[in-house]
Amino acid sequence: MKRLRLPRLRLPRWRPFRTRTATRWQLSLLAFVVLLLSWWRCNGDDRRCWPRQQILDAIRFVESGDRSQVPDGDGGKAIGPYQIHEVYWRDALRAEPTLGGRYQDCRQRAYAERVIAAYMRHYAGPAWSDGEAETIARVHNGGPQGPGKAATLGYWRRVRARLR
């Protein structure tokens, strides 16, 4: 008995990118889209991202009117130009022990900004890196859960008004 031989089927080789030129072109297009989306996110009509120093300046203005001699707030529980509470300072110090200093040092603007930076890196790292003003302001005002609290929306509106 003779064996029946079937013709061999030849399928084309699958190649997602036919040439190097096509690959480069597609990667360039992808990079452009990513950059465009990133630019739009930070510069569009509903701007979210700002330089950190501008965010800090707006928060300082909302907290203390940018006065040089700032009275204590919240019945003496918050001090300095950023009205930092002791628990906020302790959290920042626990996150970054190299911060050092004493709670009373929060009355000095430069030290207070370092405390805020340590706190934000710990509780709002990506937002701090990207300069997402709303998240930063709401965490500063309401703690780690601040962005989810309705009570921090009014604070954010005042900071946003100062940023514009």
Protein backbone atom coordinates (compact mmCIF):
# COMPACT_ATOMS: atom_id res chain seq x y z
CA MET A 1 0.00 0.00 0.00
CA LYS A 2 1.29 3.30 -1.08
CA ARG A 3 1.20 6.24 1.27
CA LEU A 4 -0.67 9.30 0.17
CA ARG A 5 1.45 12.43 0.39
CA LEU A 6 -0.29 15.70 1.05
CA PRO A 7 1.23 18.89 -0.21
CA ARG A 8 3.08 20.86 2.40
CA LEU A 9 1.39 24.08 3.43
CA ARG A 10 3.66 27.06 3.60
CA LEU A 11 2.46 29.87 5.81
CA PRO A 12 4.06 33.27 5.63
CA ARG A 13 6.27 34.18 8.56
CA TRP A 14 4.52 36.54 10.95
CA ARG A 15 6.41 39.81 11.35
CA PRO A 16 4.79 42.63 13.31
CA PHE A 17 7.27 45.15 11.93
CA ARG A 18 8.30 44.51 8.35
CA THR A 19 11.31 46.78 8.28
CA ARG A 20 13.52 48.74 10.60
CA THR A 21 12.23 51.96 9.08
CA ALA A 22 8.64 51.01 9.94
CA THR A 23 9.68 50.09 13.46
CA ARG A 24 11.42 53.42 13.99
CA TRP A 25 8.48 55.30 12.56
CA GLN A 26 6.00 53.48 14.82
CA LEU A 27 8.15 54.01 17.91
CA SER A 28 8.54 57.69 17.05
CA LEU A 29 4.79 58.05 16.69
CA LEU A 30 4.23 56.33 20.03
CA ALA A 31 6.75 58.60 21.76
CA PHE A 32 5.09 61.66 20.23
CA VAL A 33 1.66 60.58 21.48
CA VAL A 34 3.01 59.97 24.99
CA LEU A 35 4.67 63.40 25.04
CA LEU A 36 1.52 65.06 23.71
CA LEU A 37 -0.63 63.43 26.39
CA SER A 38 1.85 64.41 29.07
CA TRP A 39 1.92 68.01 27.84
CA TRP A 40 -1.87 68.16 27.68
CA ARG A 41 -2.17 66.77 31.20
CA CYS A 42 0.04 69.49 32.59
CA ASN A 43 -0.76 72.42 30.28
CA GLY A 44 -4.27 71.96 28.97
CA ASP A 45 -7.33 73.96 29.92
CA ASP A 46 -7.72 71.91 33.08
CA ARG A 47 -4.09 72.13 34.14
CA ARG A 48 -3.06 69.69 36.87
CA CYS A 49 0.71 70.04 37.13
CA TRP A 50 2.67 73.02 38.36
CA PRO A 51 6.24 73.63 39.49
CA ARG A 52 6.51 72.60 43.12
CA GLN A 53 7.66 76.02 44.28
CA GLN A 54 4.55 77.63 42.78
CA ILE A 55 2.40 75.08 44.59
CA LEU A 56 4.19 75.79 47.88
CA ASP A 57 3.81 79.55 47.35
CA ALA A 58 0.06 79.14 46.78
CA ILE A 59 -0.32 76.92 49.86
CA ARG A 60 1.66 79.39 51.96
CA PHE A 61 -0.55 82.25 50.78
CA VAL A 62 -3.73 80.31 51.63
CA GLU A 63 -2.37 79.22 55.01
CA SER A 64 -0.83 82.45 56.23
CA GLY A 65 -1.43 85.22 53.72
CA ASP A 66 2.34 85.08 53.06
CA ARG A 67 2.97 87.19 56.18
CA SER A 68 6.42 87.23 57.76
CA GLN A 69 5.11 87.01 61.34
CA VAL A 70 2.47 84.30 61.36
CA PRO A 71 0.26 83.70 64.39
CA ASP A 72 -0.33 80.10 65.43
CA GLY A 73 -3.46 78.55 63.96
CA ASP A 74 -6.01 75.95 65.04
CA GLY A 75 -5.92 77.16 68.63
CA GLY A 76 -2.12 77.02 68.78
CA LYS A 77 -1.85 73.55 67.22
CA ALA A 78 -0.46 74.70 63.84
CA ILE A 79 2.64 76.85 63.41
CA GLY A 80 4.65 78.67 60.78
CA PRO A 81 3.89 79.97 57.31
CA TYR A 82 2.46 76.59 56.26
CA GLN A 83 0.50 76.02 59.50
CA ILE A 84 2.09 72.63 60.16
CA HIS A 85 0.71 70.46 62.97
CA GLU A 86 3.06 68.47 65.16
CA VAL A 87 1.70 65.12 63.93
CA TYR A 88 2.44 66.21 60.33
CA TRP A 89 6.01 67.08 61.35
CA ARG A 90 6.43 63.77 63.19
CA ASP A 91 5.23 61.82 60.14
CA ALA A 92 7.71 63.68 57.92
CA LEU A 93 10.52 63.08 60.41
CA ARG A 94 9.65 59.38 60.66
CA ALA A 95 9.68 59.12 56.85
CA GLU A 96 12.99 60.97 56.55
CA PRO A 97 14.99 60.95 59.82
CA THR A 98 17.77 62.98 58.17
CA LEU A 99 15.37 65.94 58.27
CA GLY A 100 16.30 66.49 61.92
CA GLY A 101 15.36 69.67 63.71
CA ARG A 102 12.61 70.43 66.19
CA TYR A 103 8.93 71.05 65.68
CA GLN A 104 9.41 74.74 66.44
CA ASP A 105 11.72 74.95 63.41
CA CYS A 106 8.55 74.74 61.27
CA ARG A 107 8.18 78.47 61.93
CA GLN A 108 11.05 78.98 59.45
CA ARG A 109 9.95 78.86 55.84
CA ALA A 110 12.93 76.89 54.47
CA TYR A 111 12.66 74.17 57.14
CA ALA A 112 8.88 73.98 56.77
CA GLU A 113 9.28 73.44 53.01
CA ARG A 114 11.70 70.58 53.67
CA VAL A 115 9.14 69.06 56.07
CA ILE A 116 6.42 69.34 53.43
CA ALA A 117 8.69 67.77 50.81
CA ALA A 118 9.45 64.81 53.12
CA TYR A 119 5.76 64.38 53.95
CA MET A 120 4.74 64.53 50.29
CA ARG A 121 7.44 62.11 49.16
CA HIS A 122 6.11 59.67 51.75
CA TYR A 123 2.35 60.06 51.27
CA ALA A 124 2.01 61.48 47.75
CA GLY A 125 5.24 60.47 45.99
CA PRO A 126 4.05 60.37 42.36
CA ALA A 127 1.98 63.55 42.80
CA TRP A 128 4.97 65.32 44.37
CA SER A 129 7.25 64.20 41.54
CA ASP A 130 4.79 65.28 38.84
CA GLY A 131 3.72 68.49 40.57
CA GLU A 132 0.03 67.52 40.77
CA ALA A 133 -1.20 70.55 42.66
CA GLU A 134 -4.60 69.24 43.70
CA THR A 135 -3.26 66.09 45.33
CA ILE A 136 -0.45 67.98 47.05
CA ALA A 137 -2.78 70.66 48.42
CA ARG A 138 -5.39 68.19 49.59
CA VAL A 139 -2.80 65.92 51.28
CA HIS A 140 -1.29 68.98 52.99
CA ASN A 141 -4.72 70.02 54.23
CA GLY A 142 -6.31 66.65 55.01
CA GLY A 143 -3.46 64.24 55.60
CA PRO A 144 -2.70 61.06 53.64
CA GLN A 145 -6.42 60.50 52.92
CA GLY A 146 -6.96 64.17 52.00
CA PRO A 147 -7.64 63.66 48.28
CA GLY A 148 -10.60 61.45 49.14
CA LYS A 149 -12.14 63.84 51.67
CA ALA A 150 -14.88 66.23 50.55
CA ALA A 151 -13.74 68.62 53.28
CA THR A 152 -10.50 69.39 51.40
CA LEU A 153 -12.23 70.55 48.20
CA GLY A 154 -12.74 74.11 49.43
CA TYR A 155 -9.09 74.32 50.41
CA TRP A 156 -8.06 73.07 46.96
CA ARG A 157 -10.27 75.71 45.29
CA ARG A 158 -8.50 78.48 47.24
CA VAL A 159 -5.06 77.08 46.32
CA ARG A 160 -6.08 76.68 42.66
CA ALA A 161 -7.35 80.27 42.56
CA ARG A 162 -3.94 81.40 43.77
CA LEU A 163 -2.15 79.26 41.15
CA ARG A 164 -4.07 80.82 38.24
